[in-house]
Protein backbone atom coordinates (compact mmCIF):
# COMPACT_ATOMS: atom_id res chain seq x y z
CA MET A 1 86.81 -10.69 -95.95
CA ASN A 2 89.99 -12.86 -96.69
CA ASP A 3 89.95 -15.42 -93.88
CA SER A 4 93.08 -17.16 -95.24
CA LYS A 5 95.09 -13.94 -94.90
CA ARG A 6 93.77 -13.43 -91.31
CA TRP A 7 94.87 -16.68 -89.76
CA ILE A 8 98.41 -16.88 -88.53
CA THR A 9 100.17 -20.29 -88.50
CA LEU A 10 102.19 -21.12 -85.44
CA ASP A 11 103.50 -24.42 -84.06
CA GLY A 12 102.68 -23.44 -80.36
CA ALA A 13 99.26 -21.91 -80.63
CA VAL A 14 96.27 -22.83 -82.94
CA ASN A 15 93.73 -19.95 -82.67
CA VAL A 16 95.84 -17.06 -83.78
CA ARG A 17 94.45 -14.48 -86.20
CA ASP A 18 94.65 -10.92 -87.39
CA LEU A 19 91.84 -8.34 -86.68
CA GLY A 20 92.60 -6.83 -90.06
CA GLY A 21 90.54 -7.34 -93.24
CA LEU A 22 87.16 -6.96 -91.54
CA GLU A 23 84.38 -4.94 -93.13
CA THR A 24 83.53 -1.54 -91.60
CA VAL A 25 80.24 0.39 -91.65
CA ASP A 26 81.64 2.94 -94.02
CA GLY A 27 82.62 0.30 -96.71
CA GLY A 28 86.27 -0.05 -95.72
CA THR A 29 88.19 -2.75 -93.81
CA THR A 30 90.24 -2.85 -90.68
CA ARG A 31 94.07 -2.90 -91.02
CA HIS A 32 96.21 -5.91 -90.99
CA GLY A 33 99.17 -6.26 -88.75
CA ARG A 34 97.98 -4.12 -85.78
CA VAL A 35 96.00 -6.32 -83.39
CA PHE A 36 96.03 -10.09 -83.16
CA ARG A 37 93.96 -12.52 -81.02
CA SER A 38 95.02 -15.87 -79.75
CA ASP A 39 94.67 -18.76 -77.37
CA ASN A 40 97.18 -19.52 -74.81
CA LEU A 41 100.77 -18.48 -75.69
CA GLN A 42 102.59 -20.77 -73.19
CA GLY A 43 103.62 -23.27 -75.89
CA LEU A 44 105.30 -20.85 -78.49
CA THR A 45 108.39 -22.39 -80.08
CA GLU A 46 111.66 -20.34 -80.83
CA GLY A 47 110.46 -20.14 -84.39
CA ASP A 48 106.94 -18.81 -83.27
CA VAL A 49 108.58 -16.09 -81.15
CA ALA A 50 110.81 -15.16 -84.06
CA LYS A 51 107.74 -14.81 -86.37
CA LEU A 52 105.64 -12.81 -83.96
CA VAL A 53 108.40 -10.46 -82.73
CA GLY A 54 110.60 -10.24 -85.86
CA GLU A 55 108.25 -10.55 -88.81
CA LEU A 56 104.96 -9.24 -87.32
CA LYS A 57 106.55 -6.77 -84.99
CA LEU A 58 104.77 -7.86 -81.86
CA ARG A 59 105.57 -5.52 -79.01
CA HIS A 60 102.56 -5.93 -76.48
CA VAL A 61 100.76 -8.80 -75.09
CA VAL A 62 97.32 -8.32 -73.33
CA ASP A 63 96.85 -11.33 -71.12
CA LEU A 64 93.22 -11.74 -69.98
CA ARG A 65 93.73 -14.90 -67.97
CA SER A 66 93.29 -15.07 -64.19
CA GLY A 67 95.99 -14.81 -61.69
CA PRO A 68 95.85 -18.54 -60.83
CA GLU A 69 95.94 -19.36 -64.50
CA VAL A 70 99.09 -17.29 -65.00
CA ARG A 71 100.85 -18.81 -61.91
CA LEU A 72 99.84 -22.45 -62.62
CA GLU A 73 100.85 -22.17 -66.34
CA GLY A 74 104.13 -20.39 -65.46
CA PRO A 75 105.92 -17.74 -67.47
CA GLY A 76 105.56 -18.08 -71.09
CA PRO A 77 108.22 -17.62 -73.80
CA LEU A 78 107.24 -13.94 -74.62
CA THR A 79 107.87 -13.02 -71.11
CA ARG A 80 111.59 -13.52 -71.72
CA VAL A 81 111.66 -11.27 -74.89
CA PRO A 82 112.95 -7.72 -73.96
CA GLU A 83 111.01 -6.09 -76.82
CA VAL A 84 107.68 -7.34 -75.63
CA GLU A 85 105.68 -5.86 -72.78
CA ILE A 86 103.12 -8.14 -71.01
CA HIS A 87 99.92 -6.43 -69.74
CA HIS A 88 97.94 -8.71 -67.42
CA HIS A 89 94.25 -7.55 -67.10
CA THR A 90 92.04 -10.24 -65.73
CA LEU A 91 88.37 -10.10 -66.42
CA PHE A 92 87.35 -11.80 -63.18
CA ALA A 93 86.18 -10.08 -59.91
CA GLU A 94 89.01 -10.31 -57.25
CA GLY A 95 88.39 -12.82 -54.51
CA GLY A 96 91.13 -13.91 -52.05
CA ARG A 97 94.46 -12.66 -51.50
CA TYR A 98 96.14 -14.93 -54.07
CA THR A 99 93.35 -15.32 -56.55
CA ASP A 100 91.18 -13.28 -58.75
CA VAL A 101 88.48 -15.73 -59.17
CA ASP A 102 85.59 -16.01 -56.74
CA ALA A 103 87.01 -18.51 -54.30
CA ASP A 104 89.16 -17.42 -51.40
CA VAL A 105 92.51 -18.97 -50.86
CA SER A 106 94.43 -19.32 -47.59
CA PRO A 107 97.15 -16.50 -47.43
CA ASP A 108 99.93 -19.04 -46.50
CA ARG A 109 99.79 -21.13 -49.74
CA GLU A 110 99.46 -20.74 -53.53
CA PRO A 111 96.09 -21.85 -55.11
CA GLU A 112 96.07 -25.53 -56.23
CA GLY A 113 93.50 -24.97 -59.12
CA ILE A 114 91.17 -22.83 -60.96
CA GLU A 115 87.44 -22.59 -61.16
CA ALA A 116 86.91 -23.91 -64.66
CA ASP A 117 83.34 -22.73 -64.87
CA LYS A 118 84.63 -19.13 -64.73
CA VAL A 119 87.90 -19.51 -66.59
CA LEU A 120 86.06 -21.44 -69.24
CA PRO A 121 82.56 -20.11 -68.92
CA TRP A 122 81.07 -22.76 -71.09
CA GLN A 123 81.76 -25.25 -68.34
CA GLY A 124 79.31 -25.93 -65.43
CA GLU A 125 76.23 -24.06 -64.20
CA PRO A 126 76.21 -20.38 -63.23
CA SER A 127 75.62 -19.49 -59.53
CA GLU A 128 72.12 -18.65 -58.17
CA ASP A 129 73.15 -15.08 -57.75
CA ASP A 130 73.99 -14.68 -61.43
CA LEU A 131 71.34 -16.86 -62.99
CA ALA A 132 68.70 -14.06 -63.31
CA GLU A 133 71.26 -11.72 -64.78
CA LEU A 134 72.56 -14.39 -67.20
CA ARG A 135 69.06 -15.03 -68.59
CA VAL A 136 68.92 -11.31 -69.80
CA THR A 137 72.52 -10.49 -70.65
CA GLY A 138 74.51 -13.74 -71.29
CA TYR A 139 77.68 -14.65 -69.63
CA TYR A 140 79.79 -12.16 -71.40
CA TYR A 141 78.22 -9.18 -69.78
CA LEU A 142 79.65 -10.41 -66.52
CA TYR A 143 83.04 -9.61 -67.49
CA LEU A 144 82.05 -5.94 -68.06
CA ARG A 145 80.05 -5.83 -64.92
CA ASP A 146 82.90 -7.30 -62.78
CA ARG A 147 85.98 -5.66 -64.36
CA PRO A 148 85.26 -2.56 -66.38
CA ASP A 149 88.71 -1.33 -65.30
CA SER A 150 90.46 -4.35 -66.96
CA VAL A 151 88.33 -4.01 -70.11
CA LEU A 152 89.26 -0.30 -70.67
CA ALA A 153 93.00 -0.95 -69.56
CA ALA A 154 93.16 -3.72 -72.26
CA LEU A 155 91.53 -1.54 -74.95
CA ARG A 156 93.89 1.31 -74.11
CA VAL A 157 96.93 -1.01 -74.72
CA LEU A 158 95.51 -1.61 -78.15
CA ALA A 159 94.90 2.06 -78.73
CA HIS A 160 97.93 3.94 -77.39
CA GLU A 161 101.02 1.60 -77.41
CA ASP A 162 103.37 1.41 -80.30
CA GLY A 163 103.96 -1.79 -82.32
CA ALA A 164 101.61 -4.77 -82.93
CA ALA A 165 99.54 -6.16 -79.92
CA ILE A 166 98.06 -9.54 -79.30
CA VAL A 167 95.12 -10.30 -76.98
CA HIS A 168 94.70 -13.70 -75.63
CA CYS A 169 93.26 -15.90 -72.84
CA ALA A 170 93.09 -19.72 -72.61
CA ALA A 171 91.04 -20.68 -75.59
CA GLY A 172 91.11 -17.30 -77.23
CA LYS A 173 87.29 -17.38 -77.54
CA ASP A 174 85.31 -15.85 -74.73
CA ARG A 175 87.40 -13.33 -72.80
CA THR A 176 89.40 -12.60 -75.84
CA GLY A 177 86.25 -12.56 -78.01
CA VAL A 178 84.57 -9.84 -75.69
CA VAL A 179 87.63 -7.61 -75.76
CA CYS A 180 88.13 -7.98 -79.60
CA ALA A 181 84.47 -7.32 -80.22
CA LEU A 182 84.64 -4.02 -78.31
CA ALA A 183 87.77 -3.00 -80.13
CA LEU A 184 86.16 -3.74 -83.48
CA GLU A 185 83.05 -1.84 -82.51
CA VAL A 186 85.19 1.20 -81.63
CA ALA A 187 87.02 0.78 -85.00
CA GLY A 188 83.75 0.91 -86.86
CA ALA A 189 83.43 -2.72 -87.98
CA THR A 190 80.01 -4.02 -88.93
CA ARG A 191 78.12 -5.99 -86.42
CA GLU A 192 78.10 -8.96 -88.78
CA ALA A 193 81.92 -8.81 -89.12
CA ILE A 194 82.33 -8.80 -85.41
CA VAL A 195 80.07 -11.88 -85.05
CA THR A 196 81.95 -13.61 -87.99
CA ASP A 197 85.29 -13.02 -86.37
CA TYR A 198 83.92 -14.43 -83.10
CA VAL A 199 82.59 -17.64 -84.49
CA ALA A 200 85.75 -18.28 -86.54
CA THR A 201 87.27 -19.83 -83.41
CA GLY A 202 84.95 -22.69 -84.14
CA GLU A 203 87.07 -23.66 -87.08
CA ARG A 204 89.83 -24.69 -84.68
CA ILE A 205 87.98 -25.71 -81.60
CA GLU A 206 89.08 -29.35 -81.61
CA ALA A 207 92.75 -28.21 -81.75
CA ILE A 208 92.12 -25.69 -79.07
CA LEU A 209 90.58 -28.34 -76.69
CA ASP A 210 93.47 -30.71 -77.37
CA ARG A 211 95.92 -28.08 -76.29
CA LEU A 212 93.94 -27.20 -73.16
CA ARG A 213 93.67 -30.95 -72.23
CA ALA A 214 97.50 -31.16 -72.51
CA SER A 215 97.70 -28.71 -69.56
CA GLU A 216 97.07 -29.90 -66.03
CA THR A 217 95.56 -26.49 -65.43
CA TYR A 218 92.61 -27.31 -67.53
CA ARG A 219 92.56 -30.97 -68.35
CA SER A 220 90.29 -32.38 -65.65
CA ASP A 221 87.50 -29.88 -66.33
CA LEU A 222 87.27 -30.60 -70.08
CA ASP A 223 87.13 -34.32 -70.20
CA GLY A 224 83.93 -36.17 -71.24
CA ARG A 225 82.35 -33.41 -73.21
CA PRO A 226 82.02 -33.32 -77.00
CA ALA A 227 83.84 -30.55 -78.92
CA SER A 228 80.40 -29.32 -80.37
CA SER A 229 79.37 -28.24 -76.81
CA HIS A 230 82.27 -25.64 -76.76
CA LEU A 231 81.58 -24.09 -80.15
CA PRO A 232 81.29 -20.28 -80.26
CA ARG A 233 77.73 -19.49 -81.46
CA ALA A 234 76.61 -16.24 -83.31
CA GLU A 235 73.74 -15.83 -80.95
CA PHE A 236 76.13 -15.55 -77.91
CA MET A 237 77.91 -12.53 -79.34
CA ARG A 238 74.70 -10.99 -80.75
CA GLN A 239 73.16 -11.38 -77.27
CA PHE A 240 76.04 -9.66 -75.67
CA LEU A 241 76.00 -6.75 -78.11
CA ARG A 242 72.20 -6.58 -77.85
CA THR A 243 72.52 -6.23 -74.10
CA LEU A 244 74.90 -3.25 -74.44
CA ASP A 245 72.45 -1.67 -77.06
CA GLU A 246 69.57 -2.00 -74.81
CA ARG A 247 71.17 -0.90 -71.53
CA PHE A 248 73.73 1.65 -72.60
CA ASP A 249 72.91 2.74 -76.04
CA GLY A 250 75.53 0.43 -77.54
CA PRO A 251 79.07 -0.56 -76.61
CA MET A 252 80.32 2.99 -77.12
CA GLY A 253 77.76 4.16 -74.52
CA TRP A 254 79.14 1.48 -72.08
CA LEU A 255 82.66 2.57 -72.62
CA ALA A 256 81.88 6.30 -72.26
CA ARG A 257 80.07 5.53 -68.92
CA HIS A 258 83.25 3.96 -67.57
CA GLY A 259 85.76 6.58 -68.57
CA TRP A 260 86.55 5.93 -72.29
CA THR A 261 87.30 9.15 -73.97
CA ASP A 262 87.04 10.65 -77.49
CA ALA A 263 90.89 10.69 -77.50
CA ASP A 264 90.74 6.78 -76.78
CA THR A 265 88.51 6.29 -79.63
CA ALA A 266 90.46 8.36 -82.05
CA ALA A 267 93.66 6.43 -81.12
CA LEU A 268 92.01 2.98 -81.50
CA ARG A 269 90.43 3.92 -84.76
CA ALA A 270 93.82 5.25 -86.04
CA ARG A 271 95.50 1.88 -85.06
CA LEU A 272 92.74 -0.30 -86.68
CA ARG A 273 91.69 1.91 -89.61
CA GLY A 274 94.74 4.16 -90.37
């Protein structure tokens, strides 16, 4: 795979790459210019927007952040571009009236912060209720358990909408990594290619953390830990995929159980394979 061709250089985001150029089980590769993945898009410059919308023909943004993250960060530059449609599909279970993380919020005020151990799942310790589940499945399975509706909705944007799409969260690693792994599985990418794409974020981890620390939304929960503790590790993605293999006969089995259709598969494969 040509990693240099996959990375997209922007001034206002540091973890942006193309899901094209990845090996498939039939000896081919995924198509360039159809689906991109990224960290937070709040800091895009005018030049970045022009590159994404004009040069790369971006038309859809799949935003996997929680409601509080979106509100605290404010509207990003792409929300003001008429050609671009924003699709917000959080991967967290809904809690209170104004938040979709697990802490309730008084209905007469906006949330004052986020739960970083859920937004950034490498932070903190899991709850006692989830600990046994995590030993078997890993953290990423909780996204599928809690929000299968959002997972399928995000994948259907990639499958059925015209124009290029970009998937992002805060770091572009965990939530984005799960949705992109499933998209690549549907497209017929090899497991090794899926894992390789996931760990590629590690090449930019210090720059990603610098960006997150520059935001009041994330800063206080990232201080004091080395960049190496945040690295995406191949075994995390392998464990996630292995969980789906063992429990559902693979990612395709999990998707089918939650309403994914043959037409959805054909559409996403056509987008990423041609």
